[in-house]
Protein backbone atom coordinates (compact mmCIF):
# COMPACT_ATOMS: atom_id res chain seq x y z
CA MET A 1 -143.33 77.09 -79.34
CA TRP A 2 -140.38 75.79 -81.39
CA SER A 3 -138.70 74.52 -78.21
CA ARG A 4 -141.85 72.48 -77.78
CA ILE A 5 -142.17 71.17 -81.17
CA LEU A 6 -138.54 70.18 -81.48
CA GLY A 7 -138.76 68.63 -78.15
CA VAL A 8 -141.61 66.33 -79.31
CA ALA A 9 -139.96 65.61 -82.57
CA ASP A 10 -136.81 64.60 -80.72
CA LYS A 11 -138.68 62.12 -78.73
CA LEU A 12 -140.69 60.86 -81.63
CA ILE A 13 -137.58 60.29 -83.51
CA GLY A 14 -135.96 58.30 -80.43
CA LEU A 15 -138.92 56.13 -80.41
CA LEU A 16 -138.89 55.43 -84.10
CA ARG A 17 -135.21 54.83 -84.16
CA ASP A 18 -135.62 52.19 -81.34
CA ALA A 19 -138.35 50.43 -83.48
CA PRO A 20 -137.08 47.94 -85.90
CA LEU A 21 -138.69 47.99 -89.42
CA ASP A 22 -136.86 44.93 -90.53
CA GLU A 23 -134.92 42.54 -88.14
CA ALA A 24 -132.77 41.16 -90.86
CA SER A 25 -131.44 44.31 -92.04
CA GLY A 26 -131.22 46.17 -88.66
CA THR A 27 -133.35 48.90 -90.34
CA SER A 28 -135.47 51.13 -88.01
CA ILE A 29 -138.78 52.69 -88.71
CA TRP A 30 -136.97 56.12 -88.19
CA ASP A 31 -134.88 55.26 -91.42
CA ARG A 32 -138.06 55.23 -93.63
CA THR A 33 -139.90 58.04 -91.84
CA LEU A 34 -140.22 61.76 -92.89
CA LEU A 35 -141.68 64.43 -90.51
CA TYR A 36 -143.20 67.58 -91.82
CA VAL A 37 -143.70 70.62 -89.77
CA ALA A 38 -145.97 73.19 -91.31
CA THR A 39 -146.07 76.76 -90.30
CA ASP A 40 -149.18 79.28 -90.82
CA PHE A 41 -149.40 80.88 -94.09
CA GLY A 42 -147.64 84.35 -94.44
CA ARG A 43 -149.03 87.81 -94.01
CA SER A 44 -148.04 90.69 -96.34
CA LYS A 45 -146.57 93.51 -94.53
CA ILE A 46 -146.86 96.28 -97.32
CA ARG A 47 -149.52 98.89 -97.11
CA PRO A 48 -151.04 99.65 -100.56
CA ALA A 49 -150.02 103.10 -101.94
CA GLY A 50 -152.42 105.77 -100.52
CA ALA A 51 -154.50 103.14 -98.57
CA SER A 52 -155.57 104.66 -95.16
CA GLU A 53 -156.93 101.30 -94.12
CA PHE A 54 -155.84 97.58 -95.28
CA GLY A 55 -155.79 94.22 -94.09
CA SER A 56 -152.85 91.78 -94.36
CA GLY A 57 -152.88 89.19 -97.18
CA HIS A 58 -152.69 85.51 -96.92
CA ASP A 59 -149.63 84.91 -99.05
CA LEU A 60 -147.75 81.79 -99.69
CA ASN A 61 -145.04 83.15 -97.56
CA ASN A 62 -144.16 80.56 -95.10
CA GLY A 63 -141.75 77.96 -94.39
CA VAL A 64 -141.85 74.12 -93.54
CA LEU A 65 -139.45 71.91 -91.46
CA LEU A 66 -138.55 68.64 -92.95
CA LEU A 67 -136.87 65.97 -90.59
CA SER A 68 -135.66 62.68 -92.07
CA PRO A 69 -132.44 60.53 -92.68
CA MET A 70 -133.33 60.52 -96.06
CA LEU A 71 -133.16 64.13 -96.79
CA LYS A 72 -130.12 65.99 -98.07
CA GLY A 73 -130.08 67.78 -94.61
CA ASN A 74 -128.61 70.56 -92.73
CA ARG A 75 -129.71 73.17 -94.98
CA VAL A 76 -132.14 76.11 -95.60
CA LEU A 77 -133.77 76.16 -99.00
CA GLY A 78 -134.86 79.36 -100.26
CA GLY A 79 -134.72 82.37 -98.18
CA VAL A 80 -136.26 85.63 -96.96
CA ASP A 81 -135.98 88.97 -99.04
CA PRO A 82 -134.64 91.51 -96.46
CA ASP A 83 -136.42 94.38 -98.05
CA THR A 84 -139.95 92.95 -98.19
CA GLY A 85 -140.10 90.22 -95.72
CA LEU A 86 -141.39 87.87 -98.07
CA THR A 87 -139.97 84.33 -98.68
CA TYR A 88 -138.49 83.12 -102.03
CA GLY A 89 -137.83 79.68 -103.55
CA PHE A 90 -135.09 77.42 -104.64
CA ASP A 91 -133.69 75.80 -107.62
CA LEU A 92 -135.52 72.12 -107.75
CA ALA A 93 -132.29 70.42 -108.85
CA THR A 94 -129.78 71.91 -106.90
CA GLY A 95 -131.49 73.60 -103.89
CA ALA A 96 -129.62 76.98 -104.57
CA PRO A 97 -131.62 80.00 -103.35
CA ASP A 98 -133.58 81.47 -106.31
CA PRO A 99 -134.80 84.79 -105.45
CA GLY A 100 -136.76 85.19 -108.63
CA ARG A 101 -139.20 82.29 -107.93
CA THR A 102 -141.70 81.03 -105.49
CA THR A 103 -141.43 77.17 -104.83
CA SER A 104 -145.07 75.84 -105.24
CA GLU A 105 -146.90 73.66 -102.75
CA ALA A 106 -147.02 71.09 -105.53
CA GLU A 107 -143.30 71.08 -106.04
CA LEU A 108 -142.66 70.83 -102.46
CA PHE A 109 -145.04 67.79 -102.08
CA SER A 110 -143.42 66.28 -105.42
CA GLY A 111 -140.03 66.53 -103.45
CA ILE A 112 -141.62 64.71 -100.58
CA LEU A 113 -142.89 61.84 -102.83
CA ASP A 114 -139.49 61.86 -104.35
CA ILE A 115 -137.87 61.21 -100.85
CA LEU A 116 -140.49 58.51 -100.01
CA ASP A 117 -139.77 56.86 -103.37
CA VAL A 118 -143.39 56.93 -104.28
CA ASP A 119 -144.13 56.22 -108.11
CA LYS A 120 -145.28 59.46 -109.65
CA SER A 121 -145.47 58.45 -113.10
CA GLY A 122 -148.59 60.03 -114.78
CA SER A 123 -149.29 62.51 -112.17
CA GLY A 124 -147.59 65.36 -114.06
CA LEU A 125 -145.50 66.30 -111.10
CA THR A 126 -141.93 67.55 -111.73
CA SER A 127 -138.96 65.95 -110.11
CA VAL A 128 -137.36 67.77 -107.34
CA THR A 129 -133.86 66.25 -106.73
CA ALA A 130 -132.80 68.99 -104.24
CA LEU A 131 -134.24 67.23 -101.18
CA ARG A 132 -132.80 63.73 -101.91
CA GLY A 133 -130.01 62.55 -99.32
């Protein structure tokens, strides 16, 4: 599946890189694009104490792939706890792994808006400088 997703992304990037956004500056559409590849929600893997039957939870325990020339790239933000299999977040300013926190969806999307230079004034969203290139 990842091979197919990344193959399609590679072809899309090539197409956007060849499409001029601004003839005068030589900027391509790719120079101002961000691709967001979402994964499914996570599933808890821990059986509750004493339970003979249990279902798997729908945890915020997933990851996303962001591709853009506007990103501070070639990094993994956050991580996976090897004891529980659950993901953890990152420091919003530095991008350093932070096993004590979960990066919220609002924080992630705020970071994407920061990358795309969208005015967030009045939104109450926090600044997420760790993603900026």
